[in-house]
Amino acid sequence: MAKTILIVDDSTSIRQLVSMALKANGYNVVEAVDGKDGLSKLDSQKFDLVVSDVNMPNMNGLEMVKNIKANPQHKFTSIMMLTTESQESLKQEGKALGVRAWLVKPFNKEDLLFAVSKLA
C-alpha cells in the first residue's frame, strides 16, 4: 500500500513541485496551505510523513510541529522541514521538537526523495 504524505507550504509552486515528485514515485499526497490547515488535515486520515515549510501565515511550521507532537494520536508521525531557513539554531529547535530531517530550499529532487524514503 502506498505511503501517504502531507505537504504543508504556503507556496503553491513548492506544493506542486513536491507533490509531483512524490506522486511520480508512488506516494499519495495531501496538500495544506499553512500550519492550521495542516493540523486540520492530520485529523482526516493517517499520514506516514509530514513535509512542512517553516515560514507560513496563520501558524508556522515549528508551531505546527509542537501541536502535532502534543497530540497522542500523532505523536509518532515523522516530520521533515523543507524550508529556506538554514540557521543552526532553528534546526536545533526543530530537532528538539521532534523534526527528523531538515532540507533547505532550493533542493534537488533526489535529496527530497531520499529523505522521504528514509522517513515515510
PDB file of N, CA and C in Angstrom:
ATOM      1  N   MET A   1       0.842  -1.190   0.000  1.00  0.00           N
ATOM      2  CA  MET A   1       0.000   0.000   0.000  1.00  0.00           C
ATOM      3  C   MET A   1       0.883   1.248   0.000  1.00  0.00           C
ATOM      4  N   ALA A   2       0.486   2.220  -0.774  1.00  0.00           N
ATOM      5  CA  ALA A   2       1.288   3.446  -0.907  1.00  0.00           C
ATOM      6  C   ALA A   2       1.272   4.256   0.387  1.00  0.00           C
ATOM      7  N   LYS A   3       2.398   4.868   0.677  1.00  0.00           N
ATOM      8  CA  LYS A   3       2.514   5.749   1.845  1.00  0.00           C
ATOM      9  C   LYS A   3       1.844   7.082   1.522  1.00  0.00           C
ATOM     10  N   THR A   4       1.281   7.720   2.555  1.00  0.00           N
ATOM     11  CA  THR A   4       0.595   8.990   2.377  1.00  0.00           C
ATOM     12  C   THR A   4       1.366  10.098   3.073  1.00  0.00           C
ATOM     13  N   ILE A   5       1.607  11.168   2.341  1.00  0.00           N
ATOM     14  CA  ILE A   5       2.424  12.275   2.829  1.00  0.00           C
ATOM     15  C   ILE A   5       1.626  13.568   2.794  1.00  0.00           C
ATOM     16  N   LEU A   6       1.719  14.336   3.873  1.00  0.00           N
ATOM     17  CA  LEU A   6       1.087  15.651   3.955  1.00  0.00           C
ATOM     18  C   LEU A   6       2.146  16.707   3.681  1.00  0.00           C
ATOM     19  N   ILE A   7       1.900  17.533   2.659  1.00  0.00           N
ATOM     20  CA  ILE A   7       2.799  18.634   2.327  1.00  0.00           C
ATOM     21  C   ILE A   7       2.161  19.921   2.836  1.00  0.00           C
ATOM     22  N   VAL A   8       2.886  20.663   3.685  1.00  0.00           N
ATOM     23  CA  VAL A   8       2.367  21.905   4.261  1.00  0.00           C
ATOM     24  C   VAL A   8       3.288  23.045   3.846  1.00  0.00           C
ATOM     25  N   ASP A   9       2.800  23.913   2.960  1.00  0.00           N
ATOM     26  CA  ASP A   9       3.602  25.044   2.479  1.00  0.00           C
ATOM     27  C   ASP A   9       2.654  26.097   1.926  1.00  0.00           C
ATOM     28  N   ASP A  10       2.928  27.377   2.212  1.00  0.00           N
ATOM     29  CA  ASP A  10       2.061  28.436   1.704  1.00  0.00           C
ATOM     30  C   ASP A  10       2.342  28.754   0.241  1.00  0.00           C
ATOM     31  N   SER A  11       3.419  28.215  -0.319  1.00  0.00           N
ATOM     32  CA  SER A  11       3.749  28.431  -1.726  1.00  0.00           C
ATOM     33  C   SER A  11       3.113  27.352  -2.598  1.00  0.00           C
ATOM     34  N   THR A  12       2.199  27.778  -3.467  1.00  0.00           N
ATOM     35  CA  THR A  12       1.533  26.839  -4.367  1.00  0.00           C
ATOM     36  C   THR A  12       2.551  26.119  -5.245  1.00  0.00           C
ATOM     37  N   SER A  13       3.529  26.855  -5.755  1.00  0.00           N
ATOM     38  CA  SER A  13       4.506  26.243  -6.665  1.00  0.00           C
ATOM     39  C   SER A  13       5.352  25.185  -5.951  1.00  0.00           C
ATOM     40  N   ILE A  14       5.737  25.424  -4.703  1.00  0.00           N
ATOM     41  CA  ILE A  14       6.505  24.419  -3.949  1.00  0.00           C
ATOM     42  C   ILE A  14       5.639  23.190  -3.689  1.00  0.00           C
ATOM     43  N   ARG A  15       4.393  23.413  -3.278  1.00  0.00           N
ATOM     44  CA  ARG A  15       3.497  22.268  -3.044  1.00  0.00           C
ATOM     45  C   ARG A  15       3.361  21.432  -4.312  1.00  0.00           C
ATOM     46  N   GLN A  16       3.189  22.091  -5.445  1.00  0.00           N
ATOM     47  CA  GLN A  16       3.038  21.362  -6.710  1.00  0.00           C
ATOM     48  C   GLN A  16       4.309  20.601  -7.077  1.00  0.00           C
ATOM     49  N   LEU A  17       5.451  21.239  -6.914  1.00  0.00           N
ATOM     50  CA  LEU A  17       6.736  20.622  -7.240  1.00  0.00           C
ATOM     51  C   LEU A  17       6.974  19.374  -6.394  1.00  0.00           C
ATOM     52  N   VAL A  18       6.779  19.507  -5.090  1.00  0.00           N
ATOM     53  CA  VAL A  18       6.981  18.380  -4.176  1.00  0.00           C
ATOM     54  C   VAL A  18       5.945  17.287  -4.451  1.00  0.00           C
ATOM     55  N   SER A  19       4.717  17.690  -4.642  1.00  0.00           N
ATOM     56  CA  SER A  19       3.636  16.744  -4.900  1.00  0.00           C
ATOM     57  C   SER A  19       3.899  15.923  -6.167  1.00  0.00           C
ATOM     58  N   MET A  20       4.309  16.589  -7.240  1.00  0.00           N
ATOM     59  CA  MET A  20       4.584  15.866  -8.495  1.00  0.00           C
ATOM     60  C   MET A  20       5.728  14.867  -8.325  1.00  0.00           C
ATOM     61  N   ALA A  21       6.786  15.278  -7.629  1.00  0.00           N
ATOM     62  CA  ALA A  21       7.925  14.381  -7.407  1.00  0.00           C
ATOM     63  C   ALA A  21       7.506  13.158  -6.595  1.00  0.00           C
ATOM     64  N   LEU A  22       6.714  13.377  -5.565  1.00  0.00           N
ATOM     65  CA  LEU A  22       6.290  12.265  -4.703  1.00  0.00           C
ATOM     66  C   LEU A  22       5.301  11.344  -5.415  1.00  0.00           C
ATOM     67  N   LYS A  23       4.316  11.934  -6.093  1.00  0.00           N
ATOM     68  CA  LYS A  23       3.326  11.119  -6.810  1.00  0.00           C
ATOM     69  C   LYS A  23       3.993  10.274  -7.892  1.00  0.00           C
ATOM     70  N   ALA A  24       4.996  10.833  -8.575  1.00  0.00           N
ATOM     71  CA  ALA A  24       5.714  10.100  -9.625  1.00  0.00           C
ATOM     72  C   ALA A  24       6.476   8.911  -9.049  1.00  0.00           C
ATOM     73  N   ASN A  25       6.700   8.931  -7.738  1.00  0.00           N
ATOM     74  CA  ASN A  25       7.401   7.835  -7.072  1.00  0.00           C
ATOM     75  C   ASN A  25       6.478   6.982  -6.215  1.00  0.00           C
ATOM     76  N   GLY A  26       5.185   7.060  -6.477  1.00  0.00           N
ATOM     77  CA  GLY A  26       4.226   6.142  -5.874  1.00  0.00           C
ATOM     78  C   GLY A  26       3.613   6.547  -4.552  1.00  0.00           C
ATOM     79  N   TYR A  27       3.861   7.780  -4.096  1.00  0.00           N
ATOM     80  CA  TYR A  27       3.289   8.227  -2.830  1.00  0.00           C
ATOM     81  C   TYR A  27       1.925   8.881  -3.054  1.00  0.00           C
ATOM     82  N   ASN A  28       1.054   8.739  -2.067  1.00  0.00           N
ATOM     83  CA  ASN A  28      -0.189   9.509  -2.041  1.00  0.00           C
ATOM     84  C   ASN A  28       0.127  10.835  -1.362  1.00  0.00           C
ATOM     85  N   VAL A  29      -0.447  11.921  -1.853  1.00  0.00           N
ATOM     86  CA  VAL A  29      -0.120  13.241  -1.336  1.00  0.00           C
ATOM     87  C   VAL A  29      -1.380  14.040  -1.019  1.00  0.00           C
ATOM     88  N   VAL A  30      -1.343  14.715   0.131  1.00  0.00           N
ATOM     89  CA  VAL A  30      -2.386  15.670   0.513  1.00  0.00           C
ATOM     90  C   VAL A  30      -1.667  16.984   0.773  1.00  0.00           C
ATOM     91  N   GLU A  31      -2.260  18.098   0.333  1.00  0.00           N
ATOM     92  CA  GLU A  31      -1.622  19.400   0.486  1.00  0.00           C
ATOM     93  C   GLU A  31      -2.372  20.274   1.486  1.00  0.00           C
ATOM     94  N   ALA A  32      -1.602  21.094   2.217  1.00  0.00           N
ATOM     95  CA  ALA A  32      -2.169  22.074   3.151  1.00  0.00           C
ATOM     96  C   ALA A  32      -1.437  23.395   2.948  1.00  0.00           C
ATOM     97  N   VAL A  33      -2.142  24.524   3.166  1.00  0.00           N
ATOM     98  CA  VAL A  33      -1.592  25.844   2.845  1.00  0.00           C
ATOM     99  C   VAL A  33      -0.882  26.533   4.004  1.00  0.00           C
ATOM    100  N   ASP A  34      -1.052  26.040   5.231  1.00  0.00           N
ATOM    101  CA  ASP A  34      -0.361  26.594   6.395  1.00  0.00           C
ATOM    102  C   ASP A  34      -0.498  25.620   7.558  1.00  0.00           C
ATOM    103  N   GLY A  35       0.097  25.975   8.699  1.00  0.00           N
ATOM    104  CA  GLY A  35       0.077  25.077   9.844  1.00  0.00           C
ATOM    105  C   GLY A  35      -1.320  24.722  10.337  1.00  0.00           C
ATOM    106  N   LYS A  36      -2.212  25.699  10.374  1.00  0.00           N
ATOM    107  CA  LYS A  36      -3.586  25.423  10.830  1.00  0.00           C
ATOM    108  C   LYS A  36      -4.280  24.448   9.893  1.00  0.00           C
ATOM    109  N   ASP A  37      -4.127  24.676   8.596  1.00  0.00           N
ATOM    110  CA  ASP A  37      -4.709  23.781   7.601  1.00  0.00           C
ATOM    111  C   ASP A  37      -4.085  22.387   7.732  1.00  0.00           C
ATOM    112  N   GLY A  38      -2.773  22.338   7.961  1.00  0.00           N
ATOM    113  CA  GLY A  38      -2.087  21.064   8.139  1.00  0.00           C
ATOM    114  C   GLY A  38      -2.632  20.274   9.315  1.00  0.00           C
ATOM    115  N   LEU A  39      -2.834  20.962  10.429  1.00  0.00           N
ATOM    116  CA  LEU A  39      -3.382  20.285  11.616  1.00  0.00           C
ATOM    117  C   LEU A  39      -4.776  19.738  11.351  1.00  0.00           C
ATOM    118  N   SER A  40      -5.603  20.505  10.659  1.00  0.00           N
ATOM    119  CA  SER A  40      -6.966  20.026  10.385  1.00  0.00           C
ATOM    120  C   SER A  40      -6.938  18.823   9.440  1.00  0.00           C
ATOM    121  N   LYS A  41      -6.011  18.816   8.489  1.00  0.00           N
ATOM    122  CA  LYS A  41      -5.918  17.675   7.565  1.00  0.00           C
ATOM    123  C   LYS A  41      -5.365  16.437   8.272  1.00  0.00           C
ATOM    124  N   LEU A  42      -4.505  16.635   9.282  1.00  0.00           N
ATOM    125  CA  LEU A  42      -3.956  15.495  10.024  1.00  0.00           C
ATOM    126  C   LEU A  42      -5.048  14.661  10.672  1.00  0.00           C
ATOM    127  N   ASP A  43      -6.123  15.321  11.068  1.00  0.00           N
ATOM    128  CA  ASP A  43      -7.207  14.603  11.735  1.00  0.00           C
ATOM    129  C   ASP A  43      -8.116  13.871  10.758  1.00  0.00           C
ATOM    130  N   SER A  44      -7.924  14.102   9.446  1.00  0.00           N
ATOM    131  CA  SER A  44      -8.813  13.488   8.459  1.00  0.00           C
ATOM    132  C   SER A  44      -8.385  12.073   8.060  1.00  0.00           C
ATOM    133  N   GLN A  45      -7.095  11.750   8.222  1.00  0.00           N
ATOM    134  CA  GLN A  45      -6.602  10.427   7.864  1.00  0.00           C
ATOM    135  C   GLN A  45      -5.214  10.210   8.472  1.00  0.00           C
ATOM    136  N   LYS A  46      -4.668   9.013   8.289  1.00  0.00           N
ATOM    137  CA  LYS A  46      -3.324   8.720   8.815  1.00  0.00           C
ATOM    138  C   LYS A  46      -2.286   9.092   7.768  1.00  0.00           C
ATOM    139  N   PHE A  47      -1.249   9.784   8.231  1.00  0.00           N
ATOM    140  CA  PHE A  47      -0.143  10.152   7.349  1.00  0.00           C
ATOM    141  C   PHE A  47       1.127   9.466   7.817  1.00  0.00           C
ATOM    142  N   ASP A  48       1.949   9.043   6.854  1.00  0.00           N
ATOM    143  CA  ASP A  48       3.224   8.409   7.161  1.00  0.00           C
ATOM    144  C   ASP A  48       4.315   9.448   7.377  1.00  0.00           C
ATOM    145  N   LEU A  49       4.118  10.655   6.817  1.00  0.00           N
ATOM    146  CA  LEU A  49       5.119  11.707   6.906  1.00  0.00           C
ATOM    147  C   LEU A  49       4.460  13.057   6.669  1.00  0.00           C
ATOM    148  N   VAL A  50       4.951  14.075   7.392  1.00  0.00           N
ATOM    149  CA  VAL A  50       4.564  15.466   7.144  1.00  0.00           C
ATOM    150  C   VAL A  50       5.810  16.185   6.639  1.00  0.00           C
ATOM    151  N   VAL A  51       5.697  16.861   5.497  1.00  0.00           N
ATOM    152  CA  VAL A  51       6.776  17.687   4.951  1.00  0.00           C
ATOM    153  C   VAL A  51       6.288  19.120   5.036  1.00  0.00           C
ATOM    154  N   SER A  52       6.967  19.955   5.833  1.00  0.00           N
ATOM    155  CA  SER A  52       6.460  21.302   6.105  1.00  0.00           C
ATOM    156  C   SER A  52       7.504  22.395   5.936  1.00  0.00           C
ATOM    157  N   ASP A  53       7.025  23.544   5.490  1.00  0.00           N
ATOM    158  CA  ASP A  53       7.814  24.767   5.481  1.00  0.00           C
ATOM    159  C   ASP A  53       7.851  25.291   6.918  1.00  0.00           C
ATOM    160  N   VAL A  54       8.766  26.227   7.191  1.00  0.00           N
ATOM    161  CA  VAL A  54       8.802  26.877   8.498  1.00  0.00           C
ATOM    162  C   VAL A  54       7.976  28.164   8.458  1.00  0.00           C
ATOM    163  N   ASN A  55       8.282  29.038   7.507  1.00  0.00           N
ATOM    164  CA  ASN A  55       7.639  30.358   7.443  1.00  0.00           C
ATOM    165  C   ASN A  55       6.330  30.317   6.667  1.00  0.00           C
ATOM    166  N   MET A  56       5.217  30.417   7.418  1.00  0.00           N
ATOM    167  CA  MET A  56       3.886  30.414   6.806  1.00  0.00           C
ATOM    168  C   MET A  56       2.974  31.315   7.621  1.00  0.00           C
ATOM    169  N   PRO A  57       1.930  31.869   6.985  1.00  0.00           N
ATOM    170  CA  PRO A  57       0.958  32.672   7.742  1.00  0.00           C
ATOM    171  C   PRO A  57       0.087  31.783   8.638  1.00  0.00           C
ATOM    172  N   ASN A  58      -0.622  32.392   9.533  1.00  0.00           N
ATOM    173  CA  ASN A  58      -1.585  31.747  10.444  1.00  0.00           C
ATOM    174  C   ASN A  58      -0.922  30.860  11.505  1.00  0.00           C
ATOM    175  N   MET A  59      -0.087  29.927  11.090  1.00  0.00           N
ATOM    176  CA  MET A  59       0.669  29.101  12.033  1.00  0.00           C
ATOM    177  C   MET A  59       1.915  28.618  11.308  1.00  0.00           C
ATOM    178  N   ASN A  60       3.098  28.925  11.868  1.00  0.00           N
ATOM    179  CA  ASN A  60       4.332  28.495  11.193  1.00  0.00           C
ATOM    180  C   ASN A  60       4.580  27.010  11.416  1.00  0.00           C
ATOM    181  N   GLY A  61       5.563  26.491  10.709  1.00  0.00           N
ATOM    182  CA  GLY A  61       5.840  25.059  10.752  1.00  0.00           C
ATOM    183  C   GLY A  61       6.251  24.538  12.106  1.00  0.00           C
ATOM    184  N   LEU A  62       7.058  25.308  12.842  1.00  0.00           N
ATOM    185  CA  LEU A  62       7.501  24.831  14.156  1.00  0.00           C
ATOM    186  C   LEU A  62       6.356  24.817  15.162  1.00  0.00           C
ATOM    187  N   GLU A  63       5.459  25.803  15.077  1.00  0.00           N
ATOM    188  CA  GLU A  63       4.264  25.783  15.940  1.00  0.00           C
ATOM    189  C   GLU A  63       3.407  24.565  15.607  1.00  0.00           C
ATOM    190  N   MET A  64       3.278  24.265  14.329  1.00  0.00           N
ATOM    191  CA  MET A  64       2.503  23.101  13.918  1.00  0.00           C
ATOM    192  C   MET A  64       3.136  21.826  14.481  1.00  0.00           C
ATOM    193  N   VAL A  65       4.471  21.722  14.426  1.00  0.00           N
ATOM    194  CA  VAL A  65       5.163  20.544  14.964  1.00  0.00           C
ATOM    195  C   VAL A  65       4.861  20.388  16.453  1.00  0.00           C
ATOM    196  N   LYS A  66       4.901  21.497  17.211  1.00  0.00           N
ATOM    197  CA  LYS A  66       4.574  21.444  18.647  1.00  0.00           C
ATOM    198  C   LYS A  66       3.192  20.847  18.853  1.00  0.00           C
ATOM    199  N   ASN A  67       2.222  21.307  18.054  1.00  0.00           N
ATOM    200  CA  ASN A  67       0.846  20.814  18.165  1.00  0.00           C
ATOM    201  C   ASN A  67       0.736  19.343  17.774  1.00  0.00           C
ATOM    202  N   ILE A  68       1.436  18.959  16.728  1.00  0.00           N
ATOM    203  CA  ILE A  68       1.402  17.554  16.292  1.00  0.00           C
ATOM    204  C   ILE A  68       1.947  16.647  17.389  1.00  0.00           C
ATOM    205  N   LYS A  69       3.102  16.991  17.928  1.00  0.00           N
ATOM    206  CA  LYS A  69       3.761  16.136  18.921  1.00  0.00           C
ATOM    207  C   LYS A  69       3.036  16.133  20.263  1.00  0.00           C
ATOM    208  N   ALA A  70       2.233  17.171  20.524  1.00  0.00           N
ATOM    209  CA  ALA A  70       1.458  17.232  21.768  1.00  0.00           C
ATOM    210  C   ALA A  70       0.211  16.347  21.701  1.00  0.00           C
ATOM    211  N   ASN A  71      -0.168  15.946  20.504  1.00  0.00           N
ATOM    212  CA  ASN A  71      -1.360  15.125  20.313  1.00  0.00           C
ATOM    213  C   ASN A  71      -0.969  13.648  20.324  1.00  0.00           C
ATOM    214  N   PRO A  72      -1.443  12.878  21.302  1.00  0.00           N
ATOM    215  CA  PRO A  72      -1.066  11.459  21.397  1.00  0.00           C
ATOM    216  C   PRO A  72      -1.339  10.670  20.111  1.00  0.00           C
ATOM    217  N   GLN A  73      -2.363  11.062  19.375  1.00  0.00           N
ATOM    218  CA  GLN A  73      -2.730  10.375  18.135  1.00  0.00           C
ATOM    219  C   GLN A  73      -1.655  10.549  17.050  1.00  0.00           C
ATOM    220  N   HIS A  74      -0.919  11.663  17.084  1.00  0.00           N
ATOM    221  CA  HIS A  74       0.067  11.962  16.038  1.00  0.00           C
ATOM    222  C   HIS A  74       1.499  12.026  16.566  1.00  0.00           C
ATOM    223  N   LYS A  75       1.679  11.684  17.817  1.00  0.00           N
ATOM    224  CA  LYS A  75       2.976  11.826  18.485  1.00  0.00           C
ATOM    225  C   LYS A  75       4.137  11.181  17.717  1.00  0.00           C
ATOM    226  N   PHE A  76       3.863  10.059  17.050  1.00  0.00           N
ATOM    227  CA  PHE A  76       4.930   9.322  16.366  1.00  0.00           C
ATOM    228  C   PHE A  76       4.961   9.569  14.858  1.00  0.00           C
ATOM    229  N   THR A  77       4.200  10.522  14.371  1.00  0.00           N
ATOM    230  CA  THR A  77       4.228  10.868  12.953  1.00  0.00           C
ATOM    231  C   THR A  77       5.579  11.501  12.620  1.00  0.00           C
ATOM    232  N   SER A  78       6.237  11.020  11.576  1.00  0.00           N
ATOM    233  CA  SER A  78       7.521  11.581  11.144  1.00  0.00           C
ATOM    234  C   SER A  78       7.301  12.950  10.508  1.00  0.00           C
ATOM    235  N   ILE A  79       8.232  13.879  10.794  1.00  0.00           N
ATOM    236  CA  ILE A  79       8.125  15.238  10.268  1.00  0.00           C
ATOM    237  C   ILE A  79       9.468  15.649   9.678  1.00  0.00           C
ATOM    238  N   MET A  80       9.390  16.244   8.485  1.00  0.00           N
ATOM    239  CA  MET A  80      10.563  16.774   7.807  1.00  0.00           C
ATOM    240  C   MET A  80      10.278  18.226   7.438  1.00  0.00           C
ATOM    241  N   MET A  81      11.243  19.109   7.686  1.00  0.00           N
ATOM    242  CA  MET A  81      11.093  20.502   7.297  1.00  0.00           C
ATOM    243  C   MET A  81      11.742  20.700   5.928  1.00  0.00           C
ATOM    244  N   LEU A  82      11.058  21.446   5.070  1.00  0.00           N
ATOM    245  CA  LEU A  82      11.557  21.817   3.753  1.00  0.00           C
ATOM    246  C   LEU A  82      11.410  23.336   3.674  1.00  0.00           C
ATOM    247  N   THR A  83      12.515  24.062   3.856  1.00  0.00           N
ATOM    248  CA  THR A  83      12.433  25.490   4.112  1.00  0.00           C
ATOM    249  C   THR A  83      13.656  26.241   3.589  1.00  0.00           C
ATOM    250  N   THR A  84      13.533  27.548   3.502  1.00  0.00           N
ATOM    251  CA  THR A  84      14.691  28.385   3.150  1.00  0.00           C
ATOM    252  C   THR A  84      15.555  28.639   4.377  1.00  0.00           C
ATOM    253  N   GLU A  85      15.045  28.332   5.556  1.00  0.00           N
ATOM    254  CA  GLU A  85      15.766  28.585   6.810  1.00  0.00           C
ATOM    255  C   GLU A  85      16.897  27.578   6.997  1.00  0.00           C
ATOM    256  N   SER A  86      18.113  28.089   7.167  1.00  0.00           N
ATOM    257  CA  SER A  86      19.252  27.187   7.331  1.00  0.00           C
ATOM    258  C   SER A  86      20.018  27.437   8.629  1.00  0.00           C
ATOM    259  N   GLN A  87      19.527  28.333   9.492  1.00  0.00           N
ATOM    260  CA  GLN A  87      20.226  28.627  10.742  1.00  0.00           C
ATOM    261  C   GLN A  87      20.269  27.388  11.644  1.00  0.00           C
ATOM    262  N   GLU A  88      21.429  27.157  12.204  1.00  0.00           N
ATOM    263  CA  GLU A  88      21.619  26.007  13.081  1.00  0.00           C
ATOM    264  C   GLU A  88      20.679  26.071  14.289  1.00  0.00           C
ATOM    265  N   SER A  89      20.422  27.283  14.801  1.00  0.00           N
ATOM    266  CA  SER A  89      19.544  27.412  15.973  1.00  0.00           C
ATOM    267  C   SER A  89      18.122  26.933  15.655  1.00  0.00           C
ATOM    268  N   LEU A  90      17.632  27.236  14.464  1.00  0.00           N
ATOM    269  CA  LEU A  90      16.298  26.760  14.075  1.00  0.00           C
ATOM    270  C   LEU A  90      16.299  25.254  13.873  1.00  0.00           C
ATOM    271  N   LYS A  91      17.355  24.734  13.278  1.00  0.00           N
ATOM    272  CA  LYS A  91      17.454  23.286  13.091  1.00  0.00           C
ATOM    273  C   LYS A  91      17.443  22.572  14.441  1.00  0.00           C
ATOM    274  N   GLN A  92      18.184  23.127  15.409  1.00  0.00           N
ATOM    275  CA  GLN A  92      18.229  22.524  16.737  1.00  0.00           C
ATOM    276  C   GLN A  92      16.872  22.603  17.430  1.00  0.00           C
ATOM    277  N   GLU A  93      16.185  23.745  17.271  1.00  0.00           N
ATOM    278  CA  GLU A  93      14.837  23.877  17.839  1.00  0.00           C
ATOM    279  C   GLU A  93      13.913  22.830  17.227  1.00  0.00           C
ATOM    280  N   GLY A  94      13.995  22.683  15.909  1.00  0.00           N
ATOM    281  CA  GLY A  94      13.174  21.684  15.237  1.00  0.00           C
ATOM    282  C   GLY A  94      13.470  20.279  15.725  1.00  0.00           C
ATOM    283  N   LYS A  95      14.742  19.962  15.865  1.00  0.00           N
ATOM    284  CA  LYS A  95      15.138  18.635  16.341  1.00  0.00           C
ATOM    285  C   LYS A  95      14.595  18.380  17.744  1.00  0.00           C
ATOM    286  N   ALA A  96      14.693  19.395  18.596  1.00  0.00           N
ATOM    287  CA  ALA A  96      14.180  19.269  19.968  1.00  0.00           C
ATOM    288  C   ALA A  96      12.669  19.034  19.985  1.00  0.00           C
ATOM    289  N   LEU A  97      11.973  19.584  19.003  1.00  0.00           N
ATOM    290  CA  LEU A  97      10.522  19.419  18.914  1.00  0.00           C
ATOM    291  C   LEU A  97      10.120  18.076  18.304  1.00  0.00           C
ATOM    292  N   GLY A  98      11.065  17.408  17.647  1.00  0.00           N
ATOM    293  CA  GLY A  98      10.762  16.103  17.053  1.00  0.00           C
ATOM    294  C   GLY A  98      10.902  16.045  15.542  1.00  0.00           C
ATOM    295  N   VAL A  99      11.445  17.098  14.912  1.00  0.00           N
ATOM    296  CA  VAL A  99      11.668  17.083  13.467  1.00  0.00           C
ATOM    297  C   VAL A  99      12.791  16.093  13.167  1.00  0.00           C
ATOM    298  N   ARG A 100      12.573  15.208  12.204  1.00  0.00           N
ATOM    299  CA  ARG A 100      13.546  14.142  11.904  1.00  0.00           C
ATOM    300  C   ARG A 100      14.519  14.487  10.786  1.00  0.00           C
ATOM    301  N   ALA A 101      14.155  15.455   9.920  1.00  0.00           N
ATOM    302  CA  ALA A 101      15.051  15.848   8.817  1.00  0.00           C
ATOM    303  C   ALA A 101      14.789  17.303   8.464  1.00  0.00           C
ATOM    304  N   TRP A 102      15.819  17.954   7.909  1.00  0.00           N
ATOM    305  CA  TRP A 102      15.738  19.381   7.569  1.00  0.00           C
ATOM    306  C   TRP A 102      16.390  19.558   6.204  1.00  0.00           C
ATOM    307  N   LEU A 103      15.590  19.889   5.195  1.00  0.00           N
ATOM    308  CA  LEU A 103      16.088  20.081   3.842  1.00  0.00           C
ATOM    309  C   LEU A 103      15.901  21.548   3.471  1.00  0.00           C
ATOM    310  N   VAL A 104      16.975  22.179   2.974  1.00  0.00           N
ATOM    311  CA  VAL A 104      16.937  23.613   2.680  1.00  0.00           C
ATOM    312  C   VAL A 104      16.617  23.844   1.199  1.00  0.00           C
ATOM    313  N   LYS A 105      15.680  24.782   0.951  1.00  0.00           N
ATOM    314  CA  LYS A 105      15.352  25.208  -0.411  1.00  0.00           C
ATOM    315  C   LYS A 105      16.431  26.166  -0.900  1.00  0.00           C
ATOM    316  N   PRO A 106      16.765  26.195  -2.161  1.00  0.00           N
ATOM    317  CA  PRO A 106      16.296  25.256  -3.184  1.00  0.00           C
ATOM    318  C   PRO A 106      16.888  23.864  -2.940  1.00  0.00           C
ATOM    319  N   PHE A 107      16.143  22.853  -3.293  1.00  0.00           N
ATOM    320  CA  PHE A 107      16.533  21.468  -3.047  1.00  0.00           C
ATOM    321  C   PHE A 107      16.522  20.721  -4.371  1.00  0.00           C
ATOM    322  N   ASN A 108      17.221  19.594  -4.397  1.00  0.00           N
ATOM    323  CA  ASN A 108      17.083  18.769  -5.600  1.00  0.00           C
ATOM    324  C   ASN A 108      16.181  17.585  -5.287  1.00  0.00           C
ATOM    325  N   LYS A 109      15.511  17.127  -6.320  1.00  0.00           N
ATOM    326  CA  LYS A 109      14.503  16.084  -6.186  1.00  0.00           C
ATOM    327  C   LYS A 109      15.080  14.808  -5.572  1.00  0.00           C
ATOM    328  N   GLU A 110      16.315  14.453  -5.931  1.00  0.00           N
ATOM    329  CA  GLU A 110      16.926  13.233  -5.412  1.00  0.00           C
ATOM    330  C   GLU A 110      17.091  13.296  -3.889  1.00  0.00           C
ATOM    331  N   ASP A 111      17.518  14.465  -3.369  1.00  0.00           N
ATOM    332  CA  ASP A 111      17.661  14.624  -1.914  1.00  0.00           C
ATOM    333  C   ASP A 111      16.309  14.500  -1.223  1.00  0.00           C
ATOM    334  N   LEU A 112      15.294  15.109  -1.817  1.00  0.00           N
ATOM    335  CA  LEU A 112      13.936  15.031  -1.263  1.00  0.00           C
ATOM    336  C   LEU A 112      13.473  13.580  -1.217  1.00  0.00           C
ATOM    337  N   LEU A 113      13.579  12.878  -2.335  1.00  0.00           N
ATOM    338  CA  LEU A 113      13.097  11.501  -2.402  1.00  0.00           C
ATOM    339  C   LEU A 113      13.879  10.573  -1.477  1.00  0.00           C
ATOM    340  N   PHE A 114      15.187  10.810  -1.333  1.00  0.00           N
ATOM    341  CA  PHE A 114      15.999  10.007  -0.420  1.00  0.00           C
ATOM    342  C   PHE A 114      15.515  10.196   1.015  1.00  0.00           C
ATOM    343  N   ALA A 115      15.338  11.457   1.420  1.00  0.00           N
ATOM    344  CA  ALA A 115      14.889  11.735   2.794  1.00  0.00           C
ATOM    345  C   ALA A 115      13.506  11.139   3.046  1.00  0.00           C
ATOM    346  N   VAL A 116      12.604  11.310   2.095  1.00  0.00           N
ATOM    347  CA  VAL A 116      11.241  10.776   2.244  1.00  0.00           C
ATOM    348  C   VAL A 116      11.285   9.249   2.359  1.00  0.00           C
ATOM    349  N   SER A 117      12.121   8.603   1.559  1.00  0.00           N
ATOM    350  CA  SER A 117      12.191   7.133   1.605  1.00  0.00           C
ATOM    351  C   SER A 117      12.682   6.634   2.961  1.00  0.00           C
ATOM    352  N   LYS A 118      13.511   7.415   3.642  1.00  0.00           N
ATOM    353  CA  LYS A 118      14.026   7.028   4.952  1.00  0.00           C
ATOM    354  C   LYS A 118      13.011   7.280   6.076  1.00  0.00           C
ATOM    355  N   LEU A 119      12.112   8.260   5.877  1.00  0.00           N
ATOM    356  CA  LEU A 119      11.217   8.665   6.957  1.00  0.00           C
ATOM    357  C   LEU A 119       9.790   8.120   6.838  1.00  0.00           C
ATOM    358  N   ALA A 120       9.312   7.924   5.625  1.00  0.00           N
ATOM    359  CA  ALA A 120       7.900   7.525   5.439  1.00  0.00           C
ATOM    360  C   ALA A 120       7.717   6.034   5.624  1.00  0.00           C
TER     361      ALA A 120
END
